[in-house]
């Protein structure tokens, strides 16, 4: 849960919302073939439920002061320019989060876990 306090009160936004918002934004970028597991919980879940895809797969969101730190684990298509794909993902995720929530994104770390 991420809490935002302002003069009107306290707003709480679930990490599941951010995971789905960021997962959709990153997955829709050109060259992204899919999302990879980013933590132990996701690894265990995908081991037992192999046929299902989860929207929070490959996404970690951390509250950092007034903004967020986003970590993405992606799978990209072979033969494409990795740096351009990552720049596209960073720009789209930053824009999507800032437009939807009004929170700033301090840092976006993109990890390319594999290529297919």
PDB file of N, CA and C in Angstrom:
ATOM      1  N   UNK A   1       0.842  -1.169   0.000  1.00  0.00           N
ATOM      2  CA  UNK A   1       0.000   0.000   0.000  1.00  0.00           C
ATOM      3  C   UNK A   1       0.894   1.241   0.000  1.00  0.00           C
ATOM      4  N   UNK A   2       0.622   2.148  -0.898  1.00  0.00           N
ATOM      5  CA  UNK A   2       1.370   3.395  -0.981  1.00  0.00           C
ATOM      6  C   UNK A   2       0.455   4.514  -0.525  1.00  0.00           C
ATOM      7  N   UNK A   3       0.907   5.271   0.488  1.00  0.00           N
ATOM      8  CA  UNK A   3       0.102   6.341   1.063  1.00  0.00           C
ATOM      9  C   UNK A   3       0.582   7.694   0.564  1.00  0.00           C
ATOM     10  N   UNK A   4      -0.383   8.529   0.220  1.00  0.00           N
ATOM     11  CA  UNK A   4      -0.097   9.893  -0.202  1.00  0.00           C
ATOM     12  C   UNK A   4      -0.906  10.809   0.696  1.00  0.00           C
ATOM     13  N   UNK A   5      -0.229  11.743   1.352  1.00  0.00           N
ATOM     14  CA  UNK A   5      -0.922  12.689   2.216  1.00  0.00           C
ATOM     15  C   UNK A   5      -0.910  14.066   1.566  1.00  0.00           C
ATOM     16  N   UNK A   6      -2.068  14.710   1.575  1.00  0.00           N
ATOM     17  CA  UNK A   6      -2.161  16.089   1.097  1.00  0.00           C
ATOM     18  C   UNK A   6      -3.122  16.850   2.007  1.00  0.00           C
ATOM     19  N   UNK A   7      -3.445  18.063   1.647  1.00  0.00           N
ATOM     20  CA  UNK A   7      -4.302  18.901   2.493  1.00  0.00           C
ATOM     21  C   UNK A   7      -5.737  18.375   2.590  1.00  0.00           C
ATOM     22  N   UNK A   8      -6.137  17.504   1.688  1.00  0.00           N
ATOM     23  CA  UNK A   8      -7.486  16.936   1.719  1.00  0.00           C
ATOM     24  C   UNK A   8      -7.595  15.664   2.552  1.00  0.00           C
ATOM     25  N   UNK A   9      -6.455  15.020   2.809  1.00  0.00           N
ATOM     26  CA  UNK A   9      -6.475  13.779   3.585  1.00  0.00           C
ATOM     27  C   UNK A   9      -5.430  12.798   3.095  1.00  0.00           C
ATOM     28  N   UNK A  10      -5.694  11.527   3.324  1.00  0.00           N
ATOM     29  CA  UNK A  10      -4.759  10.459   2.982  1.00  0.00           C
ATOM     30  C   UNK A  10      -5.349   9.613   1.861  1.00  0.00           C
ATOM     31  N   UNK A  11      -4.535   9.350   0.857  1.00  0.00           N
ATOM     32  CA  UNK A  11      -4.931   8.488  -0.250  1.00  0.00           C
ATOM     33  C   UNK A  11      -4.043   7.254  -0.201  1.00  0.00           C
ATOM     34  N   UNK A  12      -4.657   6.084  -0.255  1.00  0.00           N
ATOM     35  CA  UNK A  12      -3.911   4.838  -0.265  1.00  0.00           C
ATOM     36  C   UNK A  12      -4.149   4.128  -1.591  1.00  0.00           C
ATOM     37  N   UNK A  13      -3.050   3.802  -2.264  1.00  0.00           N
ATOM     38  CA  UNK A  13      -3.122   3.103  -3.548  1.00  0.00           C
ATOM     39  C   UNK A  13      -2.403   1.770  -3.385  1.00  0.00           C
ATOM     40  N   UNK A  14      -3.073   0.686  -3.763  1.00  0.00           N
ATOM     41  CA  UNK A  14      -2.494  -0.648  -3.642  1.00  0.00           C
ATOM     42  C   UNK A  14      -1.388  -0.883  -4.652  1.00  0.00           C
ATOM     43  N   UNK A  15      -0.403  -1.671  -4.259  1.00  0.00           N
ATOM     44  CA  UNK A  15       0.692  -1.995  -5.170  1.00  0.00           C
ATOM     45  C   UNK A  15       0.203  -2.818  -6.355  1.00  0.00           C
ATOM     46  N   UNK A  16      -0.919  -3.519  -6.183  1.00  0.00           N
ATOM     47  CA  UNK A  16      -1.487  -4.287  -7.284  1.00  0.00           C
ATOM     48  C   UNK A  16      -1.922  -3.364  -8.424  1.00  0.00           C
ATOM     49  N   UNK A  17      -2.437  -2.185  -8.063  1.00  0.00           N
ATOM     50  CA  UNK A  17      -2.828  -1.208  -9.083  1.00  0.00           C
ATOM     51  C   UNK A  17      -1.613  -0.760  -9.882  1.00  0.00           C
ATOM     52  N   UNK A  18      -0.542  -0.415  -9.170  1.00  0.00           N
ATOM     53  CA  UNK A  18       0.676   0.014  -9.863  1.00  0.00           C
ATOM     54  C   UNK A  18       1.244  -1.112 -10.712  1.00  0.00           C
ATOM     55  N   UNK A  19       1.211  -2.335 -10.192  1.00  0.00           N
ATOM     56  CA  UNK A  19       1.743  -3.473 -10.943  1.00  0.00           C
ATOM     57  C   UNK A  19       0.975  -3.692 -12.237  1.00  0.00           C
ATOM     58  N   UNK A  20      -0.342  -3.594 -12.169  1.00  0.00           N
ATOM     59  CA  UNK A  20      -1.125  -3.797 -13.393  1.00  0.00           C
ATOM     60  C   UNK A  20      -0.948  -2.634 -14.362  1.00  0.00           C
ATOM     61  N   UNK A  21      -0.900  -1.411 -13.853  1.00  0.00           N
ATOM     62  CA  UNK A  21      -0.700  -0.233 -14.690  1.00  0.00           C
ATOM     63  C   UNK A  21       0.654  -0.298 -15.398  1.00  0.00           C
ATOM     64  N   UNK A  22       1.691  -0.587 -14.650  1.00  0.00           N
ATOM     65  CA  UNK A  22       3.047  -0.633 -15.200  1.00  0.00           C
ATOM     66  C   UNK A  22       3.228  -1.852 -16.091  1.00  0.00           C
ATOM     67  N   UNK A  23       2.674  -2.986 -15.686  1.00  0.00           N
ATOM     68  CA  UNK A  23       2.780  -4.201 -16.497  1.00  0.00           C
ATOM     69  C   UNK A  23       2.139  -4.036 -17.860  1.00  0.00           C
ATOM     70  N   UNK A  24       0.967  -3.414 -17.898  1.00  0.00           N
ATOM     71  CA  UNK A  24       0.305  -3.168 -19.180  1.00  0.00           C
ATOM     72  C   UNK A  24       1.102  -2.194 -20.043  1.00  0.00           C
ATOM     73  N   UNK A  25       1.634  -1.146 -19.430  1.00  0.00           N
ATOM     74  CA  UNK A  25       2.404  -0.152 -20.189  1.00  0.00           C
ATOM     75  C   UNK A  25       3.668  -0.768 -20.769  1.00  0.00           C
ATOM     76  N   UNK A  26       4.384  -1.550 -19.966  1.00  0.00           N
ATOM     77  CA  UNK A  26       5.636  -2.153 -20.430  1.00  0.00           C
ATOM     78  C   UNK A  26       5.383  -3.228 -21.476  1.00  0.00           C
ATOM     79  N   UNK A  27       4.359  -4.043 -21.276  1.00  0.00           N
ATOM     80  CA  UNK A  27       4.069  -5.142 -22.206  1.00  0.00           C
ATOM     81  C   UNK A  27       3.638  -4.644 -23.575  1.00  0.00           C
ATOM     82  N   UNK A  28       3.054  -3.454 -23.624  1.00  0.00           N
ATOM     83  CA  UNK A  28       2.567  -2.941 -24.901  1.00  0.00           C
ATOM     84  C   UNK A  28       3.659  -2.275 -25.735  1.00  0.00           C
ATOM     85  N   UNK A  29       4.859  -2.128 -25.193  1.00  0.00           N
ATOM     86  CA  UNK A  29       5.948  -1.505 -25.940  1.00  0.00           C
ATOM     87  C   UNK A  29       6.482  -2.450 -27.015  1.00  0.00           C
ATOM     88  N   UNK A  30       6.907  -1.872 -28.131  1.00  0.00           N
ATOM     89  CA  UNK A  30       7.472  -2.651 -29.226  1.00  0.00           C
ATOM     90  C   UNK A  30       8.730  -3.377 -28.767  1.00  0.00           C
ATOM     91  N   UNK A  31       8.835  -4.648 -29.107  1.00  0.00           N
ATOM     92  CA  UNK A  31      10.012  -5.436 -28.795  1.00  0.00           C
ATOM     93  C   UNK A  31       9.922  -6.237 -27.516  1.00  0.00           C
ATOM     94  N   UNK A  32       8.931  -5.955 -26.675  1.00  0.00           N
ATOM     95  CA  UNK A  32       8.778  -6.690 -25.418  1.00  0.00           C
ATOM     96  C   UNK A  32       7.979  -7.954 -25.708  1.00  0.00           C
ATOM     97  N   UNK A  33       8.631  -9.102 -25.514  1.00  0.00           N
ATOM     98  CA  UNK A  33       7.975 -10.383 -25.771  1.00  0.00           C
ATOM     99  C   UNK A  33       7.208 -10.869 -24.557  1.00  0.00           C
ATOM    100  N   UNK A  34       7.584 -10.392 -23.376  1.00  0.00           N
ATOM    101  CA  UNK A  34       6.894 -10.799 -22.160  1.00  0.00           C
ATOM    102  C   UNK A  34       7.605 -10.268 -20.936  1.00  0.00           C
ATOM    103  N   UNK A  35       7.069 -10.649 -19.793  1.00  0.00           N
ATOM    104  CA  UNK A  35       7.643 -10.230 -18.525  1.00  0.00           C
ATOM    105  C   UNK A  35       8.218 -11.464 -17.833  1.00  0.00           C
ATOM    106  N   UNK A  36       9.339 -11.294 -17.150  1.00  0.00           N
ATOM    107  CA  UNK A  36       9.987 -12.379 -16.416  1.00  0.00           C
ATOM    108  C   UNK A  36       9.684 -12.231 -14.930  1.00  0.00           C
ATOM    109  N   UNK A  37       9.834 -13.309 -14.188  1.00  0.00           N
ATOM    110  CA  UNK A  37       9.603 -13.257 -12.741  1.00  0.00           C
ATOM    111  C   UNK A  37      10.668 -12.399 -12.082  1.00  0.00           C
ATOM    112  N   UNK A  38      10.245 -11.576 -11.116  1.00  0.00           N
ATOM    113  CA  UNK A  38      11.190 -10.657 -10.492  1.00  0.00           C
ATOM    114  C   UNK A  38      11.505 -10.982  -9.042  1.00  0.00           C
ATOM    115  N   UNK A  39      10.772 -11.902  -8.434  1.00  0.00           N
ATOM    116  CA  UNK A  39      11.073 -12.237  -7.040  1.00  0.00           C
ATOM    117  C   UNK A  39      10.674 -13.683  -6.751  1.00  0.00           C
ATOM    118  N   UNK A  40      10.960 -14.122  -5.543  1.00  0.00           N
ATOM    119  CA  UNK A  40      10.721 -15.505  -5.150  1.00  0.00           C
ATOM    120  C   UNK A  40       9.241 -15.854  -5.174  1.00  0.00           C
ATOM    121  N   UNK A  41       8.398 -14.945  -4.737  1.00  0.00           N
ATOM    122  CA  UNK A  41       6.955 -15.190  -4.736  1.00  0.00           C
ATOM    123  C   UNK A  41       6.452 -15.479  -6.146  1.00  0.00           C
ATOM    124  N   UNK A  42       6.909 -14.699  -7.107  1.00  0.00           N
ATOM    125  CA  UNK A  42       6.488 -14.899  -8.490  1.00  0.00           C
ATOM    126  C   UNK A  42       7.043 -16.202  -9.058  1.00  0.00           C
ATOM    127  N   UNK A  43       8.274 -16.571  -8.673  1.00  0.00           N
ATOM    128  CA  UNK A  43       8.854 -17.837  -9.125  1.00  0.00           C
ATOM    129  C   UNK A  43       8.055 -19.031  -8.626  1.00  0.00           C
ATOM    130  N   UNK A  44       7.688 -19.001  -7.358  1.00  0.00           N
ATOM    131  CA  UNK A  44       6.916 -20.108  -6.778  1.00  0.00           C
ATOM    132  C   UNK A  44       5.530 -20.176  -7.418  1.00  0.00           C
ATOM    133  N   UNK A  45       4.892 -19.036  -7.583  1.00  0.00           N
ATOM    134  CA  UNK A  45       3.559 -18.990  -8.182  1.00  0.00           C
ATOM    135  C   UNK A  45       3.577 -19.537  -9.605  1.00  0.00           C
ATOM    136  N   UNK A  46       4.587 -19.155 -10.396  1.00  0.00           N
ATOM    137  CA  UNK A  46       4.638 -19.633 -11.778  1.00  0.00           C
ATOM    138  C   UNK A  46       5.030 -21.102 -11.846  1.00  0.00           C
ATOM    139  N   UNK A  47       5.714 -21.615 -10.827  1.00  0.00           N
ATOM    140  CA  UNK A  47       6.049 -23.038 -10.789  1.00  0.00           C
ATOM    141  C   UNK A  47       4.794 -23.881 -10.613  1.00  0.00           C
ATOM    142  N   UNK A  48       3.897 -23.464  -9.727  1.00  0.00           N
ATOM    143  CA  UNK A  48       2.688 -24.227  -9.456  1.00  0.00           C
ATOM    144  C   UNK A  48       1.573 -23.962 -10.465  1.00  0.00           C
ATOM    145  N   UNK A  49       1.518 -22.767 -11.012  1.00  0.00           N
ATOM    146  CA  UNK A  49       0.465 -22.403 -11.967  1.00  0.00           C
ATOM    147  C   UNK A  49       1.106 -21.994 -13.282  1.00  0.00           C
ATOM    148  N   UNK A  50       1.671 -22.955 -13.997  1.00  0.00           N
ATOM    149  CA  UNK A  50       2.449 -22.677 -15.203  1.00  0.00           C
ATOM    150  C   UNK A  50       1.624 -22.104 -16.347  1.00  0.00           C
ATOM    151  N   UNK A  51       0.368 -22.484 -16.433  1.00  0.00           N
ATOM    152  CA  UNK A  51      -0.432 -22.070 -17.582  1.00  0.00           C
ATOM    153  C   UNK A  51      -1.015 -20.662 -17.440  1.00  0.00           C
ATOM    154  N   UNK A  52      -0.895 -20.057 -16.271  1.00  0.00           N
ATOM    155  CA  UNK A  52      -1.499 -18.738 -16.054  1.00  0.00           C
ATOM    156  C   UNK A  52      -0.459 -17.630 -16.145  1.00  0.00           C
ATOM    157  N   UNK A  53      -0.881 -16.490 -16.649  1.00  0.00           N
ATOM    158  CA  UNK A  53      -0.049 -15.290 -16.667  1.00  0.00           C
ATOM    159  C   UNK A  53      -0.624 -14.292 -15.680  1.00  0.00           C
ATOM    160  N   UNK A  54       0.238 -13.621 -14.947  1.00  0.00           N
ATOM    161  CA  UNK A  54      -0.193 -12.644 -13.954  1.00  0.00           C
ATOM    162  C   UNK A  54       0.290 -11.267 -14.377  1.00  0.00           C
ATOM    163  N   UNK A  55      -0.527 -10.271 -14.117  1.00  0.00           N
ATOM    164  CA  UNK A  55      -0.219  -8.915 -14.558  1.00  0.00           C
ATOM    165  C   UNK A  55       0.941  -8.309 -13.765  1.00  0.00           C
ATOM    166  N   UNK A  56       1.148  -8.752 -12.534  1.00  0.00           N
ATOM    167  CA  UNK A  56       2.248  -8.198 -11.743  1.00  0.00           C
ATOM    168  C   UNK A  56       3.563  -8.911 -11.992  1.00  0.00           C
ATOM    169  N   UNK A  57       3.573  -9.832 -12.916  1.00  0.00           N
ATOM    170  CA  UNK A  57       4.795 -10.577 -13.211  1.00  0.00           C
ATOM    171  C   UNK A  57       5.873  -9.630 -13.739  1.00  0.00           C
ATOM    172  N   UNK A  58       7.018  -9.649 -13.103  1.00  0.00           N
ATOM    173  CA  UNK A  58       8.144  -8.839 -13.532  1.00  0.00           C
ATOM    174  C   UNK A  58       8.143  -7.403 -13.064  1.00  0.00           C
ATOM    175  N   UNK A  59       7.205  -7.015 -12.200  1.00  0.00           N
ATOM    176  CA  UNK A  59       7.089  -5.626 -11.766  1.00  0.00           C
ATOM    177  C   UNK A  59       7.262  -5.533 -10.255  1.00  0.00           C
ATOM    178  N   UNK A  60       8.130  -4.613  -9.813  1.00  0.00           N
ATOM    179  CA  UNK A  60       8.293  -4.306  -8.398  1.00  0.00           C
ATOM    180  C   UNK A  60       8.202  -2.793  -8.242  1.00  0.00           C
ATOM    181  N   UNK A  61       7.384  -2.347  -7.293  1.00  0.00           N
ATOM    182  CA  UNK A  61       7.194  -0.910  -7.051  1.00  0.00           C
ATOM    183  C   UNK A  61       7.546  -0.621  -5.601  1.00  0.00           C
ATOM    184  N   UNK A  62       8.404   0.398  -5.391  1.00  0.00           N
ATOM    185  CA  UNK A  62       8.856   0.785  -4.053  1.00  0.00           C
ATOM    186  C   UNK A  62       8.606   2.276  -3.881  1.00  0.00           C
ATOM    187  N   UNK A  63       8.039   2.664  -2.760  1.00  0.00           N
ATOM    188  CA  UNK A  63       7.824   4.088  -2.434  1.00  0.00           C
ATOM    189  C   UNK A  63       9.157   4.687  -2.000  1.00  0.00           C
ATOM    190  N   UNK A  64       9.514   5.833  -2.590  1.00  0.00           N
ATOM    191  CA  UNK A  64      10.778   6.497  -2.294  1.00  0.00           C
ATOM    192  C   UNK A  64      10.516   7.988  -2.099  1.00  0.00           C
ATOM    193  N   UNK A  65      10.325   8.393  -0.850  1.00  0.00           N
ATOM    194  CA  UNK A  65      10.039   9.796  -0.572  1.00  0.00           C
ATOM    195  C   UNK A  65       8.727  10.214  -1.207  1.00  0.00           C
ATOM    196  N   UNK A  66       8.785  11.198  -2.111  1.00  0.00           N
ATOM    197  CA  UNK A  66       7.583  11.668  -2.792  1.00  0.00           C
ATOM    198  C   UNK A  66       7.307  10.920  -4.089  1.00  0.00           C
ATOM    199  N   UNK A  67       8.198  10.038  -4.490  1.00  0.00           N
ATOM    200  CA  UNK A  67       8.039   9.352  -5.765  1.00  0.00           C
ATOM    201  C   UNK A  67       8.106   7.845  -5.624  1.00  0.00           C
ATOM    202  N   UNK A  68       8.337   7.203  -6.738  1.00  0.00           N
ATOM    203  CA  UNK A  68       8.385   5.746  -6.795  1.00  0.00           C
ATOM    204  C   UNK A  68       9.673   5.274  -7.453  1.00  0.00           C
ATOM    205  N   UNK A  69      10.077   4.078  -7.092  1.00  0.00           N
ATOM    206  CA  UNK A  69      11.134   3.368  -7.799  1.00  0.00           C
ATOM    207  C   UNK A  69      10.485   2.134  -8.405  1.00  0.00           C
ATOM    208  N   UNK A  70      10.665   1.945  -9.702  1.00  0.00           N
ATOM    209  CA  UNK A  70      10.053   0.837 -10.426  1.00  0.00           C
ATOM    210  C   UNK A  70      11.155  -0.064 -10.952  1.00  0.00           C
ATOM    211  N   UNK A  71      10.990  -1.366 -10.737  1.00  0.00           N
ATOM    212  CA  UNK A  71      11.904  -2.350 -11.302  1.00  0.00           C
ATOM    213  C   UNK A  71      11.114  -3.257 -12.226  1.00  0.00           C
ATOM    214  N   UNK A  72      11.619  -3.440 -13.446  1.00  0.00           N
ATOM    215  CA  UNK A  72      10.966  -4.278 -14.445  1.00  0.00           C
ATOM    216  C   UNK A  72      11.920  -5.364 -14.903  1.00  0.00           C
ATOM    217  N   UNK A  73      11.419  -6.578 -15.007  1.00  0.00           N
ATOM    218  CA  UNK A  73      12.172  -7.707 -15.556  1.00  0.00           C
ATOM    219  C   UNK A  73      11.448  -8.130 -16.816  1.00  0.00           C
ATOM    220  N   UNK A  74      12.129  -7.970 -17.962  1.00  0.00           N
ATOM    221  CA  UNK A  74      11.460  -8.194 -19.239  1.00  0.00           C
ATOM    222  C   UNK A  74      12.162  -9.260 -20.074  1.00  0.00           C
ATOM    223  N   UNK A  75      11.418  -9.764 -21.045  1.00  0.00           N
ATOM    224  CA  UNK A  75      11.935 -10.653 -22.080  1.00  0.00           C
ATOM    225  C   UNK A  75      11.721  -9.913 -23.394  1.00  0.00           C
ATOM    226  N   UNK A  76      12.788  -9.803 -24.193  1.00  0.00           N
ATOM    227  CA  UNK A  76      12.658  -9.047 -25.437  1.00  0.00           C
ATOM    228  C   UNK A  76      12.829  -9.963 -26.647  1.00  0.00           C
ATOM    229  N   UNK A  77      12.418  -9.467 -27.785  1.00  0.00           N
ATOM    230  CA  UNK A  77      12.547 -10.198 -29.039  1.00  0.00           C
ATOM    231  C   UNK A  77      13.985 -10.096 -29.542  1.00  0.00           C
ATOM    232  N   UNK A  78      14.473 -11.177 -30.095  1.00  0.00           N
ATOM    233  CA  UNK A  78      15.848 -11.241 -30.583  1.00  0.00           C
ATOM    234  C   UNK A  78      16.022 -10.365 -31.823  1.00  0.00           C
ATOM    235  N   UNK A  79      17.176  -9.728 -31.925  1.00  0.00           N
ATOM    236  CA  UNK A  79      17.523  -8.969 -33.119  1.00  0.00           C
ATOM    237  C   UNK A  79      17.143  -7.509 -33.084  1.00  0.00           C
ATOM    238  N   UNK A  80      16.637  -7.032 -31.966  1.00  0.00           N
ATOM    239  CA  UNK A  80      16.246  -5.635 -31.869  1.00  0.00           C
ATOM    240  C   UNK A  80      17.246  -4.868 -31.005  1.00  0.00           C
ATOM    241  N   UNK A  81      17.246  -3.552 -31.131  1.00  0.00           N
ATOM    242  CA  UNK A  81      18.148  -2.699 -30.383  1.00  0.00           C
ATOM    243  C   UNK A  81      17.664  -2.598 -28.931  1.00  0.00           C
ATOM    244  N   UNK A  82      18.428  -3.191 -28.023  1.00  0.00           N
ATOM    245  CA  UNK A  82      18.028  -3.276 -26.615  1.00  0.00           C
ATOM    246  C   UNK A  82      17.927  -1.894 -25.984  1.00  0.00           C
ATOM    247  N   UNK A  83      18.876  -1.024 -26.247  1.00  0.00           N
ATOM    248  CA  UNK A  83      18.856   0.294 -25.608  1.00  0.00           C
ATOM    249  C   UNK A  83      17.642   1.116 -26.042  1.00  0.00           C
ATOM    250  N   UNK A  84      17.234   1.001 -27.297  1.00  0.00           N
ATOM    251  CA  UNK A  84      16.056   1.739 -27.758  1.00  0.00           C
ATOM    252  C   UNK A  84      14.774   1.180 -27.156  1.00  0.00           C
ATOM    253  N   UNK A  85      14.708  -0.131 -27.008  1.00  0.00           N
ATOM    254  CA  UNK A  85      13.541  -0.748 -26.374  1.00  0.00           C
ATOM    255  C   UNK A  85      13.438  -0.284 -24.924  1.00  0.00           C
ATOM    256  N   UNK A  86      14.564  -0.277 -24.217  1.00  0.00           N
ATOM    257  CA  UNK A  86      14.567   0.135 -22.810  1.00  0.00           C
ATOM    258  C   UNK A  86      14.191   1.605 -22.678  1.00  0.00           C
ATOM    259  N   UNK A  87      14.709   2.472 -23.551  1.00  0.00           N
ATOM    260  CA  UNK A  87      14.329   3.893 -23.522  1.00  0.00           C
ATOM    261  C   UNK A  87      12.827   4.061 -23.735  1.00  0.00           C
ATOM    262  N   UNK A  88      12.279   3.304 -24.664  1.00  0.00           N
ATOM    263  CA  UNK A  88      10.849   3.370 -24.932  1.00  0.00           C
ATOM    264  C   UNK A  88      10.044   2.941 -23.718  1.00  0.00           C
ATOM    265  N   UNK A  89      10.465   1.880 -23.073  1.00  0.00           N
ATOM    266  CA  UNK A  89       9.770   1.385 -21.876  1.00  0.00           C
ATOM    267  C   UNK A  89       9.835   2.416 -20.758  1.00  0.00           C
ATOM    268  N   UNK A  90      11.006   2.972 -20.520  1.00  0.00           N
ATOM    269  CA  UNK A  90      11.178   3.957 -19.448  1.00  0.00           C
ATOM    270  C   UNK A  90      10.276   5.165 -19.690  1.00  0.00           C
ATOM    271  N   UNK A  91      10.262   5.680 -20.900  1.00  0.00           N
ATOM    272  CA  UNK A  91       9.429   6.845 -21.211  1.00  0.00           C
ATOM    273  C   UNK A  91       7.941   6.539 -21.060  1.00  0.00           C
ATOM    274  N   UNK A  92       7.506   5.393 -21.559  1.00  0.00           N
ATOM    275  CA  UNK A  92       6.086   5.056 -21.494  1.00  0.00           C
ATOM    276  C   UNK A  92       5.633   4.796 -20.067  1.00  0.00           C
ATOM    277  N   UNK A  93       6.442   4.072 -19.287  1.00  0.00           N
ATOM    278  CA  UNK A  93       6.072   3.779 -17.899  1.00  0.00           C
ATOM    279  C   UNK A  93       6.033   5.069 -17.081  1.00  0.00           C
ATOM    280  N   UNK A  94       7.042   5.919 -17.233  1.00  0.00           N
ATOM    281  CA  UNK A  94       7.069   7.183 -16.498  1.00  0.00           C
ATOM    282  C   UNK A  94       5.834   8.031 -16.831  1.00  0.00           C
ATOM    283  N   UNK A  95       5.533   8.176 -18.109  1.00  0.00           N
ATOM    284  CA  UNK A  95       4.378   8.970 -18.527  1.00  0.00           C
ATOM    285  C   UNK A  95       3.073   8.366 -17.998  1.00  0.00           C
ATOM    286  N   UNK A  96       2.908   7.069 -18.115  1.00  0.00           N
ATOM    287  CA  UNK A  96       1.676   6.404 -17.690  1.00  0.00           C
ATOM    288  C   UNK A  96       1.437   6.568 -16.203  1.00  0.00           C
ATOM    289  N   UNK A  97       2.461   6.339 -15.392  1.00  0.00           N
ATOM    290  CA  UNK A  97       2.311   6.442 -13.939  1.00  0.00           C
ATOM    291  C   UNK A  97       2.044   7.881 -13.519  1.00  0.00           C
ATOM    292  N   UNK A  98       2.782   8.826 -14.081  1.00  0.00           N
ATOM    293  CA  UNK A  98       2.602  10.217 -13.695  1.00  0.00           C
ATOM    294  C   UNK A  98       1.245  10.758 -14.132  1.00  0.00           C
ATOM    295  N   UNK A  99       0.738  10.340 -15.283  1.00  0.00           N
ATOM    296  CA  UNK A  99      -0.573  10.794 -15.735  1.00  0.00           C
ATOM    297  C   UNK A  99      -1.701  10.153 -14.927  1.00  0.00           C
ATOM    298  N   UNK A 100      -1.560   8.885 -14.580  1.00  0.00           N
ATOM    299  CA  UNK A 100      -2.640   8.179 -13.888  1.00  0.00           C
ATOM    300  C   UNK A 100      -2.721   8.513 -12.401  1.00  0.00           C
ATOM    301  N   UNK A 101      -1.566   8.772 -11.770  1.00  0.00           N
ATOM    302  CA  UNK A 101      -1.567   8.936 -10.314  1.00  0.00           C
ATOM    303  C   UNK A 101      -1.110  10.308  -9.837  1.00  0.00           C
ATOM    304  N   UNK A 102      -0.365  11.032 -10.642  1.00  0.00           N
ATOM    305  CA  UNK A 102       0.177  12.304 -10.204  1.00  0.00           C
ATOM    306  C   UNK A 102       1.457  12.160  -9.397  1.00  0.00           C
ATOM    307  N   UNK A 103       1.889  10.932  -9.162  1.00  0.00           N
ATOM    308  CA  UNK A 103       3.145  10.693  -8.447  1.00  0.00           C
ATOM    309  C   UNK A 103       4.307  10.721  -9.418  1.00  0.00           C
ATOM    310  N   UNK A 104       5.432  11.245  -8.971  1.00  0.00           N
ATOM    311  CA  UNK A 104       6.624  11.235  -9.787  1.00  0.00           C
ATOM    312  C   UNK A 104       7.326   9.896  -9.716  1.00  0.00           C
ATOM    313  N   UNK A 105       8.014   9.552 -10.767  1.00  0.00           N
ATOM    314  CA  UNK A 105       8.803   8.325 -10.794  1.00  0.00           C
ATOM    315  C   UNK A 105      10.267   8.736 -10.697  1.00  0.00           C
ATOM    316  N   UNK A 106      10.907   8.402  -9.571  1.00  0.00           N
ATOM    317  CA  UNK A 106      12.292   8.793  -9.360  1.00  0.00           C
ATOM    318  C   UNK A 106      13.267   7.965 -10.174  1.00  0.00           C
ATOM    319  N   UNK A 107      12.986   6.668 -10.303  1.00  0.00           N
ATOM    320  CA  UNK A 107      13.925   5.796 -10.997  1.00  0.00           C
ATOM    321  C   UNK A 107      13.171   4.617 -11.585  1.00  0.00           C
ATOM    322  N   UNK A 108      13.579   4.202 -12.783  1.00  0.00           N
ATOM    323  CA  UNK A 108      13.045   2.995 -13.413  1.00  0.00           C
ATOM    324  C   UNK A 108      14.236   2.122 -13.799  1.00  0.00           C
ATOM    325  N   UNK A 109      14.312   0.961 -13.181  1.00  0.00           N
ATOM    326  CA  UNK A 109      15.362  -0.005 -13.495  1.00  0.00           C
ATOM    327  C   UNK A 109      14.758  -1.099 -14.383  1.00  0.00           C
ATOM    328  N   UNK A 110      15.342  -1.299 -15.554  1.00  0.00           N
ATOM    329  CA  UNK A 110      14.846  -2.320 -16.468  1.00  0.00           C
ATOM    330  C   UNK A 110      15.927  -3.390 -16.597  1.00  0.00           C
ATOM    331  N   UNK A 111      15.552  -4.627 -16.294  1.00  0.00           N
ATOM    332  CA  UNK A 111      16.450  -5.762 -16.387  1.00  0.00           C
ATOM    333  C   UNK A 111      15.981  -6.649 -17.535  1.00  0.00           C
ATOM    334  N   UNK A 112      16.847  -6.863 -18.513  1.00  0.00           N
ATOM    335  CA  UNK A 112      16.530  -7.761 -19.623  1.00  0.00           C
ATOM    336  C   UNK A 112      16.989  -9.150 -19.195  1.00  0.00           C
ATOM    337  N   UNK A 113      16.020 -10.015 -18.868  1.00  0.00           N
ATOM    338  CA  UNK A 113      16.336 -11.334 -18.331  1.00  0.00           C
ATOM    339  C   UNK A 113      16.607 -12.361 -19.429  1.00  0.00           C
ATOM    340  N   UNK A 114      15.952 -12.222 -20.574  1.00  0.00           N
ATOM    341  CA  UNK A 114      16.222 -13.158 -21.666  1.00  0.00           C
ATOM    342  C   UNK A 114      15.738 -12.574 -22.971  1.00  0.00           C
ATOM    343  N   UNK A 115      16.118 -13.278 -24.057  1.00  0.00           N
ATOM    344  CA  UNK A 115      15.707 -12.892 -25.395  1.00  0.00           C
ATOM    345  C   UNK A 115      15.132 -14.130 -26.074  1.00  0.00           C
ATOM    346  N   UNK A 116      14.065 -13.907 -26.834  1.00  0.00           N
ATOM    347  CA  UNK A 116      13.504 -15.032 -27.586  1.00  0.00           C
ATOM    348  C   UNK A 116      13.384 -14.678 -29.047  1.00  0.00           C
TER     349      UNK A 116
END
